[in-house]
Structures are given as structure tokens and as C-alpha cells.
Amino acid sequence: MALDMDMQRPAAEIVRSSGSSFTAGMRCLSHDRRRAIFAVYAFCRVVDDIADGGSNVEAKTLALDAWQREVDLAREGQADTPLGAELTWAIRNFGLPDAELDLVIEGMRMDVGGMCAPDWRTLDAYVRRVAGSVGLLSMHIFGAWRGESSHRFALSLARALQLTNILRDVEEDAAIGRIYLPSDLMERAGVPTDPRRVPGADGLPQVRALLAARARTAFEAAEAEVPSHNRLRLLPALMMMGPYARMLTAIEIDPTRPPPPRNGLQKLRDGLRCTLRGRA
């Protein structure tokens, strides 16, 4: 597949247009670290948009193939796109484990192939790719890497955030034919695996509560690793951790419905609280 015009967009433009609440945490970084995290985030954003866009599986596959080739070129210093060049710069300046970029694309391929009530092994593989990889890359960029403790922190937090996303987006995902809720939890609660029948199913609150418990365990595992790190270096991660932990609390309190949307001020407050206290 030839590189299309969308592949020529600069990383900063992609980040600005995303409207993500994650950008607040990115902006507290120094110039070079912010440049690197923008490159990684923009890459994740564009491949995620491919996986979620339209219904033509062949076109999505070809687009992801094109990005895989660009990642291969980027690690060799021969990128064809502005974003690829930024990835090269980030890899070289921050010693990024660049194979994690391949795993992100693998996760997007799992989405394109269809994710509907996966077993735990499949869900764990998916979370490791779409969230864990980003967490590990981010820890290097933040300057927070402390070996095995950082590895545990990144993967635990990534799991917590991704499971919370899944809990939040059940109805939205079902509308596009996807269900990320684990099949064994759905079977236990008597929830059908047909996405059209999941919203409003009697057992859905039970599934939400059971998965929320897994997410809470992951948050607690991440929190246990915080003291091993320089809290200032973890600031961007903690600013993401706080709002998501609060969102999970809302789901735990009332698993019958998704948590209400929260404005930017509430997200900032929760992020700062987590940063200052080490807990959400």
C-alpha cells in the first residue's frame, strides 16, 4: 500500500487534533521528552484510527502493513514520513525498546480481526500489546526507568487503564461489533456474546463488577511500585492514573451504567491528587 496523505501529518498536529486528556500529562515534560512522547502517542493514535475506521478489513490490513514498513524503516533511520522520522529520533535519543512499536501494530491487527468476548489469554495478549507497550515506551521517555520495578509498574498501570477503558466503553464498543469483556465472566453472568444483545443485558452489571475487581487489583499493583521511583519522573503517569482510578471507583459504586463524563478540571484535580498523595 502506498503511503497516503494521512501518513504525512506531523506528530504534533496529530496530538493536537486528538483532544485526548492524556496530553495534559505530556505537557509537563521537558521539550525533548515531550517531543518523544508526542511521536509515540501520534503513532498509536493513527494506527488506532485505522483499526477503528470503516468496515473494510482489507483496507485496514493494508494500511497497518504500510505503517509496519514505516516502523521498520524508522528503526533503520530511513523513515519516509515526518512521524516516522520523529520515531527514529525518539528511539535513538531515549533508548526505546522499539520492538514495542511492532506489538502496538499487532494489537491493532487483533482489533481488525475482530474482538468479541475473548478468553482471558487473548484479552491479556491484547492488553499487553495496545497498552503495555505504550507504558514501557513511556517509562523510558519519562526518564523514570528503574529496571524490573518499572516494568511491573508500567504493565500493571497499563492493564488497569485498559480494563477501565473496556468497562467505560462497553456500549460504544458493542455498537461497532466489539466486546472486550472476557467470555468466562459473560458466561458466568448469563450475558450473551452477541454485541447487539450486550447493552442492557441483566447480567452486565455483574460482569462489570467482576472485571472492575481485576482493574482495581492492577491499580494496587501499580501503586505498590510507585515508592521505588522518583515521583517527579512519574508525574505524567500519575496524572493519568488519578482520573482513571476515580472512573473505576464510579463503576464500582454503580456497575449498572457507565460512569458520567467528567470535565477537564475534574480530571486535572484527580491527577494532581494522585501525584501528591500517591493514591487516587
Protein backbone atom coordinates (compact mmCIF):
# COMPACT_ATOMS: atom_id res chain seq x y z
CA MET A 1 0.00 0.00 0.00
CA ALA A 2 1.42 3.39 -0.95
CA LEU A 3 1.87 5.93 1.80
CA ASP A 4 -1.27 8.06 1.84
CA MET A 5 -1.56 11.72 2.73
CA ASP A 6 -2.57 10.96 6.33
CA MET A 7 0.84 9.37 6.89
CA GLN A 8 2.44 12.73 6.13
CA ARG A 9 0.89 14.54 9.12
CA PRO A 10 3.41 15.78 11.73
CA ALA A 11 3.26 14.20 15.17
CA ALA A 12 2.38 17.45 16.97
CA GLU A 13 -0.57 18.03 14.65
CA ILE A 14 -1.91 14.53 15.30
CA VAL A 15 -1.63 15.03 19.06
CA ARG A 16 -3.30 18.45 18.95
CA SER A 17 -6.23 17.15 16.93
CA SER A 18 -6.77 14.10 19.17
CA GLY A 19 -8.39 16.00 22.03
CA SER A 20 -7.07 13.38 24.47
CA SER A 21 -6.94 14.09 28.19
CA PHE A 22 -3.54 12.37 28.19
CA THR A 23 -1.96 15.45 26.62
CA ALA A 24 -2.09 17.31 29.94
CA GLY A 25 0.40 14.84 31.40
CA MET A 26 2.59 15.07 28.30
CA ARG A 27 2.88 18.84 28.52
CA CYS A 28 4.57 18.76 31.92
CA LEU A 29 7.60 17.11 30.30
CA SER A 30 10.74 18.85 29.11
CA HIS A 31 10.92 19.77 25.43
CA ASP A 32 12.82 16.68 24.27
CA ARG A 33 10.79 14.26 26.36
CA ARG A 34 7.58 15.87 25.16
CA ARG A 35 8.76 15.58 21.56
CA ALA A 36 9.43 11.87 22.04
CA ILE A 37 6.13 11.09 23.78
CA PHE A 38 4.27 13.04 21.10
CA ALA A 39 5.88 10.78 18.48
CA VAL A 40 4.83 7.61 20.28
CA TYR A 41 1.35 8.90 21.07
CA ALA A 42 0.77 10.11 17.50
CA PHE A 43 1.85 6.73 16.15
CA CYS A 44 -0.56 4.94 18.47
CA ARG A 45 -3.32 7.37 17.54
CA VAL A 46 -3.02 6.86 13.79
CA VAL A 47 -2.87 3.06 13.92
CA ASP A 48 -5.79 3.01 16.36
CA ASP A 49 -7.79 5.21 13.99
CA ILE A 50 -7.06 2.73 11.21
CA ALA A 51 -8.32 -0.20 13.30
CA ASP A 52 -11.48 1.68 14.29
CA GLY A 53 -12.26 3.30 10.95
CA GLY A 54 -14.79 1.92 8.50
CA SER A 55 -15.58 -1.73 7.82
CA ASN A 56 -13.17 -2.66 5.01
CA VAL A 57 -10.89 -5.23 6.63
CA GLU A 58 -8.61 -5.46 3.59
CA ALA A 59 -8.05 -1.70 3.50
CA LYS A 60 -7.30 -1.62 7.22
CA THR A 61 -4.85 -4.50 6.89
CA LEU A 62 -3.03 -2.78 4.04
CA ALA A 63 -2.86 0.47 6.00
CA LEU A 64 -1.37 -1.32 9.01
CA ASP A 65 1.08 -3.08 6.68
CA ALA A 66 2.18 0.34 5.45
CA TRP A 67 2.79 1.52 9.00
CA GLN A 68 4.70 -1.65 9.82
CA ARG A 69 7.01 -0.92 6.89
CA GLU A 70 7.42 2.64 8.12
CA VAL A 71 8.32 1.43 11.61
CA ASP A 72 10.90 -0.92 10.08
CA LEU A 73 12.36 1.99 8.15
CA ALA A 74 12.27 4.25 11.21
CA ARG A 75 14.39 1.89 13.28
CA GLU A 76 16.93 1.89 10.45
CA GLY A 77 16.93 5.68 10.21
CA GLN A 78 15.32 5.68 6.76
CA ALA A 79 11.76 6.78 7.51
CA ASP A 80 9.61 8.11 4.68
CA THR A 81 7.23 10.19 6.79
CA PRO A 82 7.52 13.06 9.31
CA LEU A 83 6.11 10.83 12.05
CA GLY A 84 8.50 8.02 11.15
CA ALA A 85 11.41 10.45 11.41
CA GLU A 86 10.20 11.51 14.85
CA LEU A 87 10.05 7.87 15.93
CA THR A 88 13.65 7.42 14.76
CA TRP A 89 14.68 10.44 16.82
CA ALA A 90 12.84 9.16 19.90
CA ILE A 91 14.27 5.64 19.60
CA ARG A 92 17.82 6.94 19.31
CA ASN A 93 17.64 9.63 21.97
CA PHE A 94 15.83 7.66 24.66
CA GLY A 95 16.98 4.11 24.03
CA LEU A 96 13.43 2.96 23.36
CA PRO A 97 12.71 -0.77 23.10
CA ASP A 98 11.48 -0.24 19.55
CA ALA A 99 10.07 -3.77 19.20
CA GLU A 100 7.23 -2.47 21.36
CA LEU A 101 6.04 -0.45 18.34
CA ASP A 102 5.58 -3.73 16.47
CA LEU A 103 3.45 -5.03 19.32
CA VAL A 104 1.19 -1.97 19.11
CA ILE A 105 0.51 -2.78 15.45
CA GLU A 106 -0.13 -6.42 16.39
CA GLY A 107 -2.75 -5.22 18.85
CA MET A 108 -4.43 -3.18 16.13
CA ARG A 109 -4.48 -6.27 13.92
CA MET A 110 -6.33 -8.09 16.70
CA ASP A 111 -8.97 -5.35 16.59
CA VAL A 112 -9.24 -5.57 12.81
CA GLY A 113 -9.58 -9.34 13.04
CA GLY A 114 -12.49 -8.91 15.44
CA MET A 115 -12.54 -8.86 19.24
CA CYS A 116 -15.73 -10.37 20.60
CA ALA A 117 -15.85 -11.86 24.09
CA PRO A 118 -12.21 -13.06 24.11
CA ASP A 119 -10.91 -15.66 26.52
CA TRP A 120 -8.52 -14.38 29.19
CA ARG A 121 -5.41 -15.42 27.29
CA THR A 122 -6.50 -13.43 24.24
CA LEU A 123 -7.53 -10.42 26.29
CA ASP A 124 -4.23 -10.44 28.19
CA ALA A 125 -2.32 -10.60 24.89
CA TYR A 126 -4.37 -7.70 23.55
CA VAL A 127 -3.85 -5.53 26.64
CA ARG A 128 -0.11 -6.24 26.61
CA ARG A 129 0.10 -5.02 23.02
CA VAL A 130 -2.16 -1.98 22.92
CA ALA A 131 -1.46 -0.69 26.44
CA GLY A 132 1.57 -2.44 27.93
CA SER A 133 3.82 -1.47 25.03
CA VAL A 134 2.89 2.18 25.39
CA GLY A 135 3.54 2.02 29.13
CA LEU A 136 7.02 0.59 28.69
CA LEU A 137 7.94 3.09 26.00
CA SER A 138 6.62 5.93 28.13
CA MET A 139 8.66 4.97 31.20
CA HIS A 140 11.85 5.28 29.16
CA ILE A 141 10.80 8.64 27.76
CA PHE A 142 9.81 9.99 31.18
CA GLY A 143 13.29 9.17 32.49
CA ALA A 144 11.60 7.03 35.15
CA TRP A 145 13.02 3.62 34.19
CA ARG A 146 14.32 1.68 37.19
CA GLY A 147 14.50 -1.85 35.82
CA GLU A 148 12.12 -4.59 36.97
CA SER A 149 10.10 -2.31 39.26
CA SER A 150 9.42 -0.01 36.31
CA HIS A 151 8.49 -2.99 34.16
CA ARG A 152 5.95 -4.10 36.78
CA PHE A 153 4.63 -0.56 37.24
CA ALA A 154 4.18 0.06 33.52
CA LEU A 155 2.40 -3.22 32.79
CA SER A 156 0.20 -3.06 35.89
CA LEU A 157 -0.86 0.52 35.21
CA ALA A 158 -1.42 -0.24 31.53
CA ARG A 159 -3.67 -3.16 32.47
CA ALA A 160 -5.59 -1.04 34.95
CA LEU A 161 -6.16 1.76 32.43
CA GLN A 162 -7.14 -0.58 29.61
CA LEU A 163 -9.59 -2.62 31.70
CA THR A 164 -11.15 0.64 32.92
CA ASN A 165 -11.47 1.77 29.30
CA ILE A 166 -13.20 -1.51 28.48
CA LEU A 167 -15.62 -1.06 31.36
CA ARG A 168 -16.37 2.51 30.33
CA ASP A 169 -16.88 1.75 26.64
CA VAL A 170 -19.00 -1.43 26.67
CA GLU A 171 -21.96 0.14 24.90
CA GLU A 172 -19.82 2.14 22.46
CA ASP A 173 -17.76 -0.93 21.55
CA ALA A 174 -20.86 -3.07 21.14
CA ALA A 175 -22.21 -0.56 18.61
CA ILE A 176 -19.28 -1.37 16.30
CA GLY A 177 -19.50 -5.12 16.87
CA ARG A 178 -16.81 -5.47 19.52
CA ILE A 179 -16.97 -6.89 23.02
CA TYR A 180 -13.80 -6.91 25.10
CA LEU A 181 -15.44 -8.39 28.19
CA PRO A 182 -13.94 -11.83 28.96
CA SER A 183 -16.06 -14.74 27.77
CA ASP A 184 -15.91 -16.63 31.07
CA LEU A 185 -17.28 -13.66 33.02
CA MET A 186 -20.06 -13.23 30.48
CA GLU A 187 -20.94 -16.92 30.64
CA ARG A 188 -20.96 -16.84 34.44
CA ALA A 189 -23.38 -13.90 34.43
CA GLY A 190 -25.54 -15.22 31.58
CA VAL A 191 -24.68 -12.35 29.24
CA PRO A 192 -24.93 -13.23 25.52
CA THR A 193 -21.80 -12.75 23.42
CA ASP A 194 -23.76 -11.16 20.56
CA PRO A 195 -22.71 -7.46 20.73
CA ARG A 196 -26.25 -6.39 19.80
CA ARG A 197 -27.61 -8.05 22.95
CA VAL A 198 -24.98 -6.99 25.47
CA PRO A 199 -26.17 -3.43 26.28
CA GLY A 200 -28.99 -3.74 28.75
CA ALA A 201 -28.39 -7.43 29.48
CA ASP A 202 -29.47 -8.37 33.01
CA GLY A 203 -26.07 -9.82 33.90
CA LEU A 204 -23.98 -6.94 32.54
CA PRO A 205 -23.62 -5.17 35.93
CA GLN A 206 -22.25 -8.41 37.39
CA VAL A 207 -19.69 -8.67 34.59
CA ARG A 208 -18.73 -5.04 35.10
CA ALA A 209 -18.25 -5.59 38.83
CA LEU A 210 -16.11 -8.69 38.32
CA LEU A 211 -13.88 -7.02 35.74
CA ALA A 212 -13.67 -3.87 37.88
CA ALA A 213 -12.18 -6.01 40.65
CA ARG A 214 -9.43 -7.11 38.25
CA ALA A 215 -8.78 -3.50 37.29
CA ARG A 216 -8.59 -2.48 40.95
CA THR A 217 -6.03 -5.20 41.63
CA ALA A 218 -3.94 -3.87 38.73
CA PHE A 219 -4.12 -0.30 40.09
CA GLU A 220 -2.99 -1.54 43.51
CA ALA A 221 -0.08 -3.41 41.93
CA ALA A 222 1.00 -0.25 40.11
CA GLU A 223 0.69 1.84 43.28
CA ALA A 224 2.92 -0.62 45.14
CA GLU A 225 5.77 0.18 42.72
CA VAL A 226 5.50 3.98 42.97
CA PRO A 227 7.83 4.33 46.01
CA SER A 228 10.65 2.72 44.01
CA HIS A 229 10.63 5.66 41.61
CA ASN A 230 11.30 9.36 41.51
CA ARG A 231 7.77 10.72 41.83
CA LEU A 232 8.57 13.75 39.69
CA ARG A 233 9.64 11.47 36.84
CA LEU A 234 6.37 9.57 37.21
CA LEU A 235 4.29 12.76 37.12
CA PRO A 236 2.77 12.18 33.63
CA ALA A 237 1.83 8.59 34.52
CA LEU A 238 0.33 9.64 37.85
CA MET A 239 -1.69 12.37 36.15
CA MET A 240 -3.28 9.66 34.01
CA MET A 241 -3.61 7.24 36.91
CA GLY A 242 -5.71 9.53 39.12
CA PRO A 243 -8.64 10.21 36.77
CA TYR A 244 -8.86 6.58 35.68
CA ALA A 245 -8.82 5.31 39.26
CA ARG A 246 -11.66 7.72 40.02
CA MET A 247 -13.56 6.46 36.98
CA LEU A 248 -13.13 2.91 38.21
CA THR A 249 -14.46 3.91 41.62
CA ALA A 250 -17.61 5.26 39.96
CA ILE A 251 -18.07 1.95 38.15
CA GLU A 252 -17.54 0.01 41.39
CA ILE A 253 -20.17 2.14 43.13
CA ASP A 254 -22.72 1.68 40.35
CA PRO A 255 -21.91 -1.07 37.83
CA THR A 256 -25.35 -0.74 36.23
CA ARG A 257 -24.20 2.03 33.92
CA PRO A 258 -21.05 3.70 32.56
CA PRO A 259 -19.58 6.49 34.71
CA PRO A 260 -20.74 10.01 33.84
CA PRO A 261 -18.36 12.09 31.69
CA ARG A 262 -16.00 14.31 33.66
CA ASN A 263 -14.71 17.72 32.64
CA GLY A 264 -11.08 18.72 32.29
CA LEU A 265 -10.96 20.40 35.71
CA GLN A 266 -12.11 17.22 37.46
CA LYS A 267 -9.53 15.16 35.56
CA LEU A 268 -6.76 17.60 36.48
CA ARG A 269 -7.83 17.58 40.14
CA ASP A 270 -7.74 13.78 40.30
CA GLY A 271 -4.39 13.66 38.55
CA LEU A 272 -2.83 16.15 40.94
CA ARG A 273 -4.30 14.32 43.95
CA CYS A 274 -2.73 11.08 42.77
CA THR A 275 0.59 12.84 42.18
CA LEU A 276 0.71 14.42 45.63
CA ARG A 277 -0.59 11.51 47.66
CA GLY A 278 0.46 8.53 45.58
CA ARG A 279 -3.14 7.30 45.56
CA ALA A 280 -6.32 8.15 43.65
